[in-house]
């Protein structure tokens, strides 16, 4: 009886040691994968506006029909995040909670403006349904044309002087947050920064 108990304890300890070794090996592999997989930046497609230059100032209208100017230097020095969306875009709806969180958390340094095109009544209903009435919402095809928006959701980040600092197609929270990372690093996009870093290493 005692011998059987000792043998079973020995086998259990062996199993624990083997499992611990497997966990350490798996953790090491996760670390290697984390280093190899770079964060995804916003996708820049087509013929984008040049980063580092001021986009044209565009006058559009909000949902109430009041003229609103987008672009140029910000009177309060805050940066501006333009988020181009559509009521029929499911990815846009998925990202709205992230956009609202960014607008709330960065209110002192950032102004978020939602931009789209189409019948005002349709967008007013969308704003009520999505609960985003606290965010400025402007309509005008000329704004999308000025920023060369090809696909949605698209975002553009302007600094307080009205200079374009980052832009691109944003399908995920990581894409959206990469715009701020690109602005902080002073690069056109996170992908450009990673490519430059890899070339320096090579």
N, C-alpha and C. Protein backbone atom coordinates (compact mmCIF):
# COMPACT_ATOMS: atom_id res chain seq x y z
N UNK A 1 0.83 -1.20 0.00
CA UNK A 1 0.00 0.00 0.00
C UNK A 1 0.86 1.26 0.00
N UNK A 2 1.86 1.27 0.89
CA UNK A 2 2.74 2.43 0.99
C UNK A 2 3.56 2.58 -0.29
N UNK A 3 4.02 1.44 -0.84
CA UNK A 3 4.80 1.49 -2.07
C UNK A 3 3.97 2.04 -3.23
N UNK A 4 2.71 1.64 -3.31
CA UNK A 4 1.83 2.12 -4.38
C UNK A 4 1.62 3.63 -4.26
N UNK A 5 1.47 4.11 -3.02
CA UNK A 5 1.29 5.54 -2.79
C UNK A 5 2.53 6.32 -3.20
N UNK A 6 3.70 5.80 -2.86
CA UNK A 6 4.95 6.46 -3.23
C UNK A 6 5.12 6.52 -4.76
N UNK A 7 4.80 5.40 -5.41
CA UNK A 7 4.91 5.34 -6.87
C UNK A 7 3.96 6.33 -7.53
N UNK A 8 2.72 6.38 -7.02
CA UNK A 8 1.74 7.31 -7.60
C UNK A 8 2.17 8.76 -7.40
N UNK A 9 2.72 9.07 -6.21
CA UNK A 9 3.22 10.43 -5.96
C UNK A 9 4.38 10.78 -6.88
N UNK A 10 5.27 9.82 -7.08
CA UNK A 10 6.41 10.05 -7.97
C UNK A 10 5.94 10.31 -9.40
N UNK A 11 4.95 9.52 -9.86
CA UNK A 11 4.41 9.72 -11.20
C UNK A 11 3.72 11.07 -11.34
N UNK A 12 3.01 11.50 -10.29
CA UNK A 12 2.34 12.81 -10.32
C UNK A 12 3.36 13.94 -10.42
N UNK A 13 4.46 13.81 -9.66
CA UNK A 13 5.50 14.85 -9.70
C UNK A 13 6.17 14.90 -11.07
N UNK A 14 6.37 13.74 -11.65
CA UNK A 14 6.95 13.69 -13.01
C UNK A 14 6.01 14.39 -13.99
N UNK A 15 4.70 14.12 -13.86
CA UNK A 15 3.71 14.74 -14.75
C UNK A 15 3.69 16.26 -14.57
N UNK A 16 3.80 16.72 -13.32
CA UNK A 16 3.82 18.17 -13.04
C UNK A 16 5.04 18.82 -13.67
N UNK A 17 6.20 18.18 -13.54
CA UNK A 17 7.43 18.73 -14.11
C UNK A 17 7.32 18.79 -15.64
N UNK A 18 6.78 17.74 -16.25
CA UNK A 18 6.63 17.71 -17.71
C UNK A 18 5.67 18.81 -18.16
N UNK A 19 4.55 18.96 -17.46
CA UNK A 19 3.59 20.01 -17.81
C UNK A 19 4.20 21.41 -17.66
N UNK A 20 4.97 21.60 -16.59
CA UNK A 20 5.63 22.89 -16.38
C UNK A 20 6.59 23.20 -17.52
N UNK A 21 7.33 22.19 -17.97
CA UNK A 21 8.25 22.38 -19.09
C UNK A 21 7.50 22.73 -20.37
N UNK A 22 6.35 22.09 -20.58
CA UNK A 22 5.53 22.38 -21.76
C UNK A 22 5.00 23.81 -21.72
N UNK A 23 4.56 24.26 -20.56
CA UNK A 23 4.05 25.63 -20.42
C UNK A 23 5.14 26.64 -20.72
N UNK A 24 6.34 26.41 -20.19
CA UNK A 24 7.47 27.31 -20.46
C UNK A 24 7.77 27.35 -21.95
N UNK A 25 7.75 26.19 -22.60
CA UNK A 25 8.02 26.14 -24.05
C UNK A 25 6.95 26.90 -24.83
N UNK A 26 5.68 26.74 -24.43
CA UNK A 26 4.59 27.45 -25.11
C UNK A 26 4.70 28.96 -24.91
N UNK A 27 5.05 29.39 -23.69
CA UNK A 27 5.22 30.82 -23.43
C UNK A 27 6.34 31.40 -24.29
N UNK A 28 7.39 30.63 -24.46
CA UNK A 28 8.49 31.10 -25.30
C UNK A 28 8.03 31.26 -26.74
N UNK A 29 7.24 30.33 -27.23
CA UNK A 29 6.74 30.41 -28.61
C UNK A 29 5.80 31.59 -28.79
N UNK A 30 4.97 31.86 -27.79
CA UNK A 30 4.08 33.03 -27.86
C UNK A 30 4.90 34.31 -27.94
N UNK A 31 5.97 34.38 -27.16
CA UNK A 31 6.84 35.55 -27.20
C UNK A 31 7.47 35.73 -28.57
N UNK A 32 7.91 34.64 -29.18
CA UNK A 32 8.52 34.70 -30.52
C UNK A 32 7.50 35.18 -31.54
N UNK A 33 6.28 34.65 -31.47
CA UNK A 33 5.23 35.07 -32.39
C UNK A 33 4.88 36.54 -32.20
N UNK A 34 4.85 36.99 -30.96
CA UNK A 34 4.54 38.39 -30.68
C UNK A 34 5.57 39.32 -31.30
N UNK A 35 6.84 38.90 -31.27
CA UNK A 35 7.89 39.72 -31.86
C UNK A 35 7.82 39.72 -33.38
N UNK A 36 7.39 38.61 -33.96
CA UNK A 36 7.36 38.51 -35.42
C UNK A 36 6.15 39.19 -36.04
N UNK A 37 5.04 39.21 -35.32
CA UNK A 37 3.82 39.79 -35.86
C UNK A 37 3.76 41.27 -35.48
N UNK A 38 3.89 42.13 -36.46
CA UNK A 38 3.88 43.57 -36.20
C UNK A 38 2.45 44.06 -36.07
N UNK A 39 2.23 45.14 -35.32
CA UNK A 39 0.89 45.71 -35.23
C UNK A 39 0.42 46.24 -36.58
N UNK A 40 -0.85 46.09 -36.87
CA UNK A 40 -1.39 46.51 -38.15
C UNK A 40 -1.78 47.98 -38.11
N UNK A 41 -1.31 48.71 -39.10
CA UNK A 41 -1.66 50.12 -39.19
C UNK A 41 -2.83 50.32 -40.13
N UNK A 42 -3.35 51.55 -40.13
CA UNK A 42 -4.44 51.89 -41.04
C UNK A 42 -3.96 51.71 -42.48
N UNK A 43 -4.82 51.15 -43.32
CA UNK A 43 -4.46 50.85 -44.70
C UNK A 43 -4.62 52.10 -45.56
N UNK A 44 -3.53 52.49 -46.21
CA UNK A 44 -3.56 53.65 -47.11
C UNK A 44 -3.67 53.12 -48.53
N UNK A 45 -4.76 53.48 -49.22
CA UNK A 45 -5.01 52.95 -50.55
C UNK A 45 -5.14 54.07 -51.57
N UNK A 46 -5.05 53.69 -52.84
CA UNK A 46 -5.30 54.64 -53.92
C UNK A 46 -4.28 55.76 -53.98
N UNK A 47 -4.80 56.99 -54.13
CA UNK A 47 -3.97 58.18 -54.25
C UNK A 47 -4.28 59.09 -53.06
N UNK A 48 -3.70 58.80 -51.89
CA UNK A 48 -4.07 59.54 -50.68
C UNK A 48 -3.52 60.95 -50.68
N UNK A 49 -4.09 61.78 -49.82
CA UNK A 49 -3.54 63.11 -49.60
C UNK A 49 -2.16 62.98 -48.98
N UNK A 50 -1.24 63.88 -49.33
CA UNK A 50 0.10 63.79 -48.73
C UNK A 50 0.09 64.17 -47.26
N UNK A 51 0.63 63.27 -46.45
CA UNK A 51 0.75 63.54 -45.01
C UNK A 51 1.82 64.60 -44.81
N UNK A 52 1.57 65.53 -43.89
CA UNK A 52 2.50 66.61 -43.65
C UNK A 52 2.11 67.91 -44.31
N UNK A 53 1.00 67.86 -45.07
CA UNK A 53 0.48 69.06 -45.71
C UNK A 53 -0.93 69.33 -45.21
N UNK A 54 -1.38 70.56 -45.36
CA UNK A 54 -2.71 70.94 -44.89
C UNK A 54 -3.74 70.64 -45.99
N UNK A 55 -4.74 69.81 -45.69
CA UNK A 55 -5.80 69.56 -46.66
C UNK A 55 -6.60 70.84 -46.90
N UNK A 56 -7.37 70.89 -47.98
CA UNK A 56 -8.18 72.08 -48.23
C UNK A 56 -9.26 72.26 -47.16
N UNK A 57 -9.57 73.50 -46.87
CA UNK A 57 -10.66 73.80 -45.94
C UNK A 57 -11.97 73.64 -46.69
N UNK A 58 -12.87 72.85 -46.14
CA UNK A 58 -14.14 72.55 -46.81
C UNK A 58 -15.30 72.99 -45.92
N UNK A 59 -16.28 73.64 -46.53
CA UNK A 59 -17.48 74.03 -45.80
C UNK A 59 -18.61 73.07 -46.14
N UNK A 60 -19.14 72.42 -45.14
CA UNK A 60 -20.24 71.47 -45.30
C UNK A 60 -21.36 71.89 -44.35
N UNK A 61 -22.35 71.04 -44.19
CA UNK A 61 -23.47 71.35 -43.29
C UNK A 61 -23.65 70.24 -42.28
N UNK A 62 -24.08 70.60 -41.07
CA UNK A 62 -24.37 69.58 -40.07
C UNK A 62 -25.79 69.08 -40.27
N UNK A 63 -26.25 68.22 -39.40
CA UNK A 63 -27.58 67.62 -39.56
C UNK A 63 -28.70 68.63 -39.48
N UNK A 64 -28.44 69.76 -38.82
CA UNK A 64 -29.45 70.81 -38.72
C UNK A 64 -29.40 71.77 -39.90
N UNK A 65 -28.47 71.54 -40.83
CA UNK A 65 -28.35 72.40 -41.98
C UNK A 65 -27.47 73.62 -41.76
N UNK A 66 -26.81 73.67 -40.60
CA UNK A 66 -25.95 74.81 -40.28
C UNK A 66 -24.58 74.60 -40.92
N UNK A 67 -24.04 75.62 -41.63
CA UNK A 67 -22.71 75.47 -42.24
C UNK A 67 -21.63 75.19 -41.20
N UNK A 68 -20.73 74.30 -41.54
CA UNK A 68 -19.61 73.94 -40.66
C UNK A 68 -18.34 73.85 -41.48
N UNK A 69 -17.28 74.42 -40.96
CA UNK A 69 -16.00 74.40 -41.67
C UNK A 69 -15.13 73.27 -41.12
N UNK A 70 -14.58 72.48 -42.04
CA UNK A 70 -13.70 71.38 -41.66
C UNK A 70 -12.33 71.64 -42.27
N UNK A 71 -11.32 71.63 -41.42
CA UNK A 71 -9.96 71.89 -41.89
C UNK A 71 -9.46 73.22 -41.39
N UNK A 72 -8.21 73.49 -41.66
CA UNK A 72 -7.60 74.73 -41.19
C UNK A 72 -7.18 74.62 -39.74
N UNK A 73 -6.55 75.69 -39.26
CA UNK A 73 -6.08 75.71 -37.88
C UNK A 73 -7.25 75.68 -36.91
N UNK A 74 -7.10 74.93 -35.83
CA UNK A 74 -8.14 74.83 -34.81
C UNK A 74 -8.03 76.02 -33.85
N UNK A 75 -9.12 76.74 -33.58
CA UNK A 75 -9.05 77.90 -32.69
C UNK A 75 -8.55 77.56 -31.29
N UNK A 76 -8.87 76.36 -30.81
CA UNK A 76 -8.45 75.98 -29.47
C UNK A 76 -7.18 75.12 -29.45
N UNK A 77 -6.58 74.92 -30.62
CA UNK A 77 -5.33 74.18 -30.69
C UNK A 77 -5.47 72.67 -30.65
N UNK A 78 -6.72 72.18 -30.58
CA UNK A 78 -6.90 70.73 -30.51
C UNK A 78 -6.71 70.08 -31.89
N UNK A 79 -6.31 68.82 -31.88
CA UNK A 79 -6.27 68.03 -33.10
C UNK A 79 -7.70 67.66 -33.49
N UNK A 80 -7.87 67.21 -34.73
CA UNK A 80 -9.19 66.81 -35.22
C UNK A 80 -9.11 65.42 -35.84
N UNK A 81 -9.99 64.54 -35.40
CA UNK A 81 -10.12 63.22 -36.01
C UNK A 81 -11.39 63.21 -36.85
N UNK A 82 -11.23 63.09 -38.16
CA UNK A 82 -12.38 62.96 -39.06
C UNK A 82 -12.65 61.48 -39.26
N UNK A 83 -13.86 61.06 -38.94
CA UNK A 83 -14.23 59.66 -39.10
C UNK A 83 -15.34 59.58 -40.14
N UNK A 84 -15.00 59.07 -41.32
CA UNK A 84 -15.96 58.95 -42.41
C UNK A 84 -16.70 57.63 -42.27
N UNK A 85 -18.03 57.71 -42.28
CA UNK A 85 -18.84 56.52 -42.05
C UNK A 85 -20.11 56.57 -42.88
N UNK A 86 -20.88 55.51 -42.79
CA UNK A 86 -22.16 55.42 -43.47
C UNK A 86 -23.13 54.62 -42.59
N UNK A 87 -24.40 54.99 -42.58
CA UNK A 87 -25.38 54.22 -41.79
C UNK A 87 -25.51 52.77 -42.24
N UNK A 88 -25.14 52.49 -43.49
CA UNK A 88 -25.26 51.12 -44.01
C UNK A 88 -23.96 50.33 -43.89
N UNK A 89 -22.96 50.89 -43.22
CA UNK A 89 -21.66 50.23 -43.08
C UNK A 89 -21.58 49.51 -41.74
N UNK A 90 -21.59 48.17 -41.72
CA UNK A 90 -21.56 47.44 -40.44
C UNK A 90 -20.27 47.63 -39.67
N UNK A 91 -19.13 47.75 -40.36
CA UNK A 91 -17.86 47.95 -39.67
C UNK A 91 -17.85 49.32 -38.99
N UNK A 92 -18.43 50.32 -39.66
CA UNK A 92 -18.52 51.66 -39.06
C UNK A 92 -19.27 51.60 -37.73
N UNK A 93 -20.38 50.88 -37.73
CA UNK A 93 -21.18 50.76 -36.50
C UNK A 93 -20.40 50.06 -35.40
N UNK A 94 -19.60 49.07 -35.78
CA UNK A 94 -18.79 48.35 -34.80
C UNK A 94 -17.75 49.26 -34.16
N UNK A 95 -17.21 50.19 -34.94
CA UNK A 95 -16.16 51.07 -34.44
C UNK A 95 -16.69 52.28 -33.67
N UNK A 96 -17.97 52.57 -33.78
CA UNK A 96 -18.50 53.76 -33.12
C UNK A 96 -18.24 53.81 -31.62
N UNK A 97 -18.39 52.71 -30.88
CA UNK A 97 -18.06 52.77 -29.44
C UNK A 97 -16.60 53.17 -29.19
N UNK A 98 -15.69 52.71 -30.06
CA UNK A 98 -14.28 53.08 -29.91
C UNK A 98 -14.10 54.57 -30.18
N UNK A 99 -14.77 55.06 -31.22
CA UNK A 99 -14.68 56.48 -31.57
C UNK A 99 -15.24 57.34 -30.43
N UNK A 100 -16.34 56.92 -29.86
CA UNK A 100 -16.92 57.67 -28.74
C UNK A 100 -16.00 57.67 -27.53
N UNK A 101 -15.35 56.53 -27.27
CA UNK A 101 -14.41 56.46 -26.14
C UNK A 101 -13.23 57.39 -26.36
N UNK A 102 -12.70 57.39 -27.58
CA UNK A 102 -11.58 58.28 -27.90
C UNK A 102 -12.00 59.73 -27.72
N UNK A 103 -13.19 60.07 -28.22
CA UNK A 103 -13.68 61.45 -28.10
C UNK A 103 -13.82 61.85 -26.64
N UNK A 104 -14.27 60.93 -25.81
CA UNK A 104 -14.45 61.23 -24.38
C UNK A 104 -13.12 61.31 -23.64
N UNK A 105 -12.24 60.34 -23.89
CA UNK A 105 -10.98 60.29 -23.15
C UNK A 105 -10.00 61.38 -23.57
N UNK A 106 -10.06 61.79 -24.83
CA UNK A 106 -9.10 62.77 -25.36
C UNK A 106 -9.74 64.13 -25.61
N UNK A 107 -10.85 64.41 -24.94
CA UNK A 107 -11.61 65.63 -25.22
C UNK A 107 -10.77 66.89 -25.07
N UNK A 108 -9.80 66.89 -24.18
CA UNK A 108 -8.99 68.08 -23.98
C UNK A 108 -8.03 68.37 -25.11
N UNK A 109 -7.66 67.35 -25.87
CA UNK A 109 -6.66 67.52 -26.92
C UNK A 109 -7.18 67.17 -28.31
N UNK A 110 -8.40 66.62 -28.38
CA UNK A 110 -8.89 66.11 -29.67
C UNK A 110 -10.37 66.40 -29.85
N UNK A 111 -10.71 66.77 -31.08
CA UNK A 111 -12.11 66.94 -31.45
C UNK A 111 -12.43 65.88 -32.50
N UNK A 112 -13.48 65.12 -32.28
CA UNK A 112 -13.89 64.09 -33.23
C UNK A 112 -15.07 64.60 -34.04
N UNK A 113 -14.97 64.47 -35.35
CA UNK A 113 -16.04 64.89 -36.26
C UNK A 113 -16.42 63.70 -37.12
N UNK A 114 -17.70 63.35 -37.11
CA UNK A 114 -18.22 62.28 -37.97
C UNK A 114 -18.64 62.90 -39.29
N UNK A 115 -18.29 62.25 -40.40
CA UNK A 115 -18.58 62.81 -41.72
C UNK A 115 -19.19 61.74 -42.62
N UNK A 116 -20.18 62.17 -43.40
CA UNK A 116 -20.84 61.24 -44.32
C UNK A 116 -21.50 62.04 -45.44
N UNK A 117 -22.38 61.37 -46.17
CA UNK A 117 -23.08 62.01 -47.28
C UNK A 117 -24.43 61.32 -47.45
N UNK A 118 -25.42 62.08 -47.88
CA UNK A 118 -26.73 61.49 -48.11
C UNK A 118 -27.84 62.32 -47.51
N UNK A 119 -29.07 61.80 -47.53
CA UNK A 119 -30.22 62.54 -47.01
C UNK A 119 -30.08 62.81 -45.50
N UNK A 120 -30.25 64.05 -45.07
CA UNK A 120 -30.11 64.38 -43.64
C UNK A 120 -31.04 63.57 -42.74
N UNK A 121 -32.26 63.30 -43.19
CA UNK A 121 -33.22 62.56 -42.36
C UNK A 121 -32.71 61.16 -42.05
N UNK A 122 -32.10 60.52 -43.04
CA UNK A 122 -31.56 59.17 -42.83
C UNK A 122 -30.44 59.20 -41.78
N UNK A 123 -29.59 60.20 -41.85
CA UNK A 123 -28.48 60.29 -40.90
C UNK A 123 -28.96 60.71 -39.51
N UNK A 124 -30.00 61.54 -39.46
CA UNK A 124 -30.54 61.93 -38.16
C UNK A 124 -31.11 60.70 -37.44
N UNK A 125 -31.78 59.83 -38.19
CA UNK A 125 -32.31 58.60 -37.61
C UNK A 125 -31.17 57.68 -37.15
N UNK A 126 -30.10 57.64 -37.94
CA UNK A 126 -28.94 56.83 -37.58
C UNK A 126 -28.29 57.34 -36.30
N UNK A 127 -28.18 58.65 -36.16
CA UNK A 127 -27.58 59.24 -34.97
C UNK A 127 -28.39 58.88 -33.73
N UNK A 128 -29.72 58.96 -33.85
CA UNK A 128 -30.59 58.60 -32.71
C UNK A 128 -30.45 57.13 -32.36
N UNK A 129 -30.43 56.30 -33.37
CA UNK A 129 -30.35 54.84 -33.14
C UNK A 129 -29.01 54.46 -32.51
N UNK A 130 -27.92 55.09 -32.98
CA UNK A 130 -26.59 54.74 -32.49
C UNK A 130 -26.23 55.47 -31.20
N UNK A 131 -27.01 56.48 -30.83
CA UNK A 131 -26.74 57.22 -29.61
C UNK A 131 -25.47 58.03 -29.66
N UNK A 132 -25.22 58.69 -30.79
CA UNK A 132 -23.98 59.45 -30.97
C UNK A 132 -24.27 60.94 -31.15
N UNK A 133 -25.34 61.39 -30.57
CA UNK A 133 -25.75 62.78 -30.73
C UNK A 133 -24.78 63.79 -30.15
N UNK A 134 -23.88 63.34 -29.28
CA UNK A 134 -22.93 64.29 -28.67
C UNK A 134 -21.77 64.63 -29.59
N UNK A 135 -21.60 63.88 -30.69
CA UNK A 135 -20.49 64.12 -31.60
C UNK A 135 -20.93 64.97 -32.79
N UNK A 136 -20.10 65.92 -33.23
CA UNK A 136 -20.42 66.68 -34.43
C UNK A 136 -20.56 65.74 -35.63
N UNK A 137 -21.57 65.98 -36.45
CA UNK A 137 -21.87 65.11 -37.58
C UNK A 137 -22.15 66.00 -38.79
N UNK A 138 -21.30 65.89 -39.81
CA UNK A 138 -21.45 66.75 -40.98
C UNK A 138 -21.72 65.92 -42.23
N UNK A 139 -22.40 66.54 -43.18
CA UNK A 139 -22.75 65.88 -44.43
C UNK A 139 -22.23 66.69 -45.61
N UNK A 140 -21.69 66.00 -46.58
CA UNK A 140 -21.23 66.67 -47.78
C UNK A 140 -20.27 65.80 -48.58
N UNK A 141 -20.65 65.52 -49.83
CA UNK A 141 -19.79 64.69 -50.68
C UNK A 141 -18.45 65.36 -50.93
N UNK A 142 -18.43 66.70 -50.92
CA UNK A 142 -17.19 67.41 -51.21
C UNK A 142 -16.10 67.13 -50.17
N UNK A 143 -16.50 66.81 -48.94
CA UNK A 143 -15.51 66.52 -47.91
C UNK A 143 -14.82 65.19 -48.21
N UNK A 144 -15.59 64.18 -48.56
CA UNK A 144 -15.01 62.89 -48.92
C UNK A 144 -14.12 62.99 -50.15
N UNK A 145 -14.53 63.81 -51.11
CA UNK A 145 -13.70 64.01 -52.30
C UNK A 145 -12.40 64.73 -51.96
N UNK A 146 -12.49 65.72 -51.09
CA UNK A 146 -11.30 66.49 -50.70
C UNK A 146 -10.27 65.60 -50.01
N UNK A 147 -10.76 64.62 -49.23
CA UNK A 147 -9.86 63.72 -48.50
C UNK A 147 -9.62 62.42 -49.25
N UNK A 148 -10.14 62.33 -50.47
CA UNK A 148 -9.93 61.17 -51.34
C UNK A 148 -10.32 59.86 -50.66
N UNK A 149 -11.51 59.87 -50.08
CA UNK A 149 -12.01 58.68 -49.38
C UNK A 149 -12.55 57.70 -50.41
N UNK A 150 -11.97 56.50 -50.45
CA UNK A 150 -12.41 55.49 -51.41
C UNK A 150 -13.29 54.44 -50.78
N UNK A 151 -12.94 54.02 -49.55
CA UNK A 151 -13.70 52.98 -48.86
C UNK A 151 -13.95 53.40 -47.43
N UNK A 152 -14.97 52.83 -46.85
CA UNK A 152 -15.35 53.14 -45.46
C UNK A 152 -15.16 51.90 -44.58
N UNK A 153 -14.90 52.15 -43.29
CA UNK A 153 -14.68 53.43 -42.61
C UNK A 153 -13.28 53.98 -42.87
N UNK A 154 -13.21 55.28 -43.01
CA UNK A 154 -11.95 55.96 -43.29
C UNK A 154 -11.77 57.03 -42.22
N UNK A 155 -10.52 57.26 -41.82
CA UNK A 155 -10.26 58.27 -40.81
C UNK A 155 -9.06 59.11 -41.21
N UNK A 156 -9.08 60.38 -40.81
CA UNK A 156 -7.97 61.29 -41.06
C UNK A 156 -7.72 62.08 -39.78
N UNK A 157 -6.45 62.20 -39.42
CA UNK A 157 -6.07 62.90 -38.19
C UNK A 157 -5.31 64.17 -38.55
N UNK A 158 -5.84 65.32 -38.14
CA UNK A 158 -5.22 66.61 -38.37
C UNK A 158 -4.71 67.17 -37.05
N UNK A 159 -3.57 67.84 -37.09
CA UNK A 159 -3.09 68.47 -35.86
C UNK A 159 -3.75 69.83 -35.66
N UNK A 160 -3.36 70.53 -34.62
CA UNK A 160 -4.00 71.79 -34.29
C UNK A 160 -3.82 72.87 -35.34
N UNK A 161 -2.78 72.73 -36.18
CA UNK A 161 -2.54 73.70 -37.24
C UNK A 161 -3.27 73.35 -38.53
N UNK A 162 -4.01 72.23 -38.50
CA UNK A 162 -4.75 71.81 -39.69
C UNK A 162 -3.94 70.98 -40.66
N UNK A 163 -2.78 70.48 -40.22
CA UNK A 163 -1.92 69.66 -41.08
C UNK A 163 -2.30 68.19 -40.92
N UNK A 164 -2.41 67.49 -42.04
CA UNK A 164 -2.74 66.06 -42.02
C UNK A 164 -1.56 65.28 -41.47
N UNK A 165 -1.79 64.52 -40.40
CA UNK A 165 -0.74 63.75 -39.76
C UNK A 165 -0.83 62.25 -40.01
N UNK A 166 -2.03 61.74 -40.27
CA UNK A 166 -2.20 60.31 -40.54
C UNK A 166 -3.58 60.11 -41.13
N UNK A 167 -3.74 59.03 -41.90
CA UNK A 167 -5.03 58.74 -42.51
C UNK A 167 -5.05 57.29 -42.97
N UNK A 168 -6.23 56.80 -43.32
CA UNK A 168 -6.31 55.48 -43.89
C UNK A 168 -7.63 54.78 -43.61
N UNK A 169 -7.76 53.61 -44.20
CA UNK A 169 -8.92 52.75 -43.99
C UNK A 169 -8.77 52.11 -42.61
N UNK A 170 -9.80 52.24 -41.78
CA UNK A 170 -9.72 51.74 -40.40
C UNK A 170 -10.81 50.70 -40.17
N UNK A 171 -10.44 49.43 -40.24
CA UNK A 171 -11.41 48.35 -40.05
C UNK A 171 -11.46 47.82 -38.63
N UNK A 172 -10.48 48.20 -37.81
CA UNK A 172 -10.42 47.70 -36.44
C UNK A 172 -10.00 48.81 -35.49
N UNK A 173 -10.11 48.53 -34.20
CA UNK A 173 -9.65 49.48 -33.18
C UNK A 173 -8.15 49.73 -33.33
N UNK A 174 -7.39 48.68 -33.65
CA UNK A 174 -5.95 48.83 -33.81
C UNK A 174 -5.62 49.77 -34.96
N UNK A 175 -6.37 49.66 -36.06
CA UNK A 175 -6.16 50.56 -37.19
C UNK A 175 -6.39 52.01 -36.77
N UNK A 176 -7.46 52.23 -36.04
CA UNK A 176 -7.80 53.59 -35.60
C UNK A 176 -6.73 54.14 -34.67
N UNK A 177 -6.30 53.34 -33.73
CA UNK A 177 -5.29 53.79 -32.77
C UNK A 177 -3.93 53.98 -33.43
N UNK A 178 -3.69 53.29 -34.55
CA UNK A 178 -2.41 53.45 -35.24
C UNK A 178 -2.24 54.85 -35.81
N UNK A 179 -3.33 55.55 -36.07
CA UNK A 179 -3.24 56.93 -36.56
C UNK A 179 -2.56 57.82 -35.52
N UNK A 180 -2.92 57.64 -34.27
CA UNK A 180 -2.33 58.43 -33.20
C UNK A 180 -0.86 58.05 -32.98
N UNK A 181 -0.57 56.75 -33.13
CA UNK A 181 0.81 56.29 -33.00
C UNK A 181 1.68 56.88 -34.11
N UNK A 182 1.13 56.91 -35.34
CA UNK A 182 1.87 57.49 -36.46
C UNK A 182 2.12 58.97 -36.23
N UNK A 183 1.13 59.67 -35.70
CA UNK A 183 1.28 61.11 -35.42
C UNK A 183 2.37 61.33 -34.38
N UNK A 184 2.38 60.54 -33.33
CA UNK A 184 3.38 60.70 -32.28
C UNK A 184 4.80 60.42 -32.77
N UNK A 185 4.92 59.46 -33.70
CA UNK A 185 6.24 59.10 -34.20
C UNK A 185 6.67 59.98 -35.38
N UNK A 186 5.75 60.82 -35.86
CA UNK A 186 6.09 61.71 -36.96
C UNK A 186 6.27 61.01 -38.29
N UNK A 187 5.50 59.95 -38.52
CA UNK A 187 5.59 59.20 -39.77
C UNK A 187 4.25 59.22 -40.47
N UNK A 188 4.26 58.91 -41.78
CA UNK A 188 3.03 58.94 -42.55
C UNK A 188 2.06 57.85 -42.13
N UNK A 189 2.60 56.70 -41.74
CA UNK A 189 1.77 55.58 -41.29
C UNK A 189 2.62 54.66 -40.43
N UNK A 190 1.96 53.83 -39.65
CA UNK A 190 2.67 52.88 -38.81
C UNK A 190 3.42 51.86 -39.67
N UNK A 191 2.84 51.49 -40.81
CA UNK A 191 3.51 50.56 -41.71
C UNK A 191 4.82 51.15 -42.24
N UNK A 192 4.79 52.45 -42.57
CA UNK A 192 6.01 53.11 -43.06
C UNK A 192 7.09 53.10 -41.99
N UNK A 193 6.68 53.34 -40.75
CA UNK A 193 7.64 53.32 -39.64
C UNK A 193 8.25 51.93 -39.46
N UNK A 194 7.40 50.89 -39.50
CA UNK A 194 7.90 49.53 -39.31
C UNK A 194 8.82 49.12 -40.46
N UNK A 195 8.48 49.51 -41.69
CA UNK A 195 9.33 49.19 -42.83
C UNK A 195 10.69 49.87 -42.69
N UNK A 196 10.70 51.13 -42.27
CA UNK A 196 11.96 51.85 -42.09
C UNK A 196 12.79 51.21 -40.99
N UNK A 197 12.14 50.79 -39.91
CA UNK A 197 12.84 50.16 -38.80
C UNK A 197 13.46 48.84 -39.23
N UNK A 198 12.73 48.05 -40.02
CA UNK A 198 13.25 46.77 -40.50
C UNK A 198 14.43 46.96 -41.43
N UNK A 199 14.39 48.02 -42.25
CA UNK A 199 15.52 48.28 -43.17
C UNK A 199 16.76 48.69 -42.38
N UNK A 200 16.57 49.46 -41.29
CA UNK A 200 17.72 49.85 -40.47
C UNK A 200 18.36 48.63 -39.82
N UNK A 201 17.51 47.71 -39.35
CA UNK A 201 18.03 46.48 -38.71
C UNK A 201 18.79 45.63 -39.71
N UNK A 202 18.24 45.55 -40.95
CA UNK A 202 18.88 44.74 -41.98
C UNK A 202 20.20 45.37 -42.41
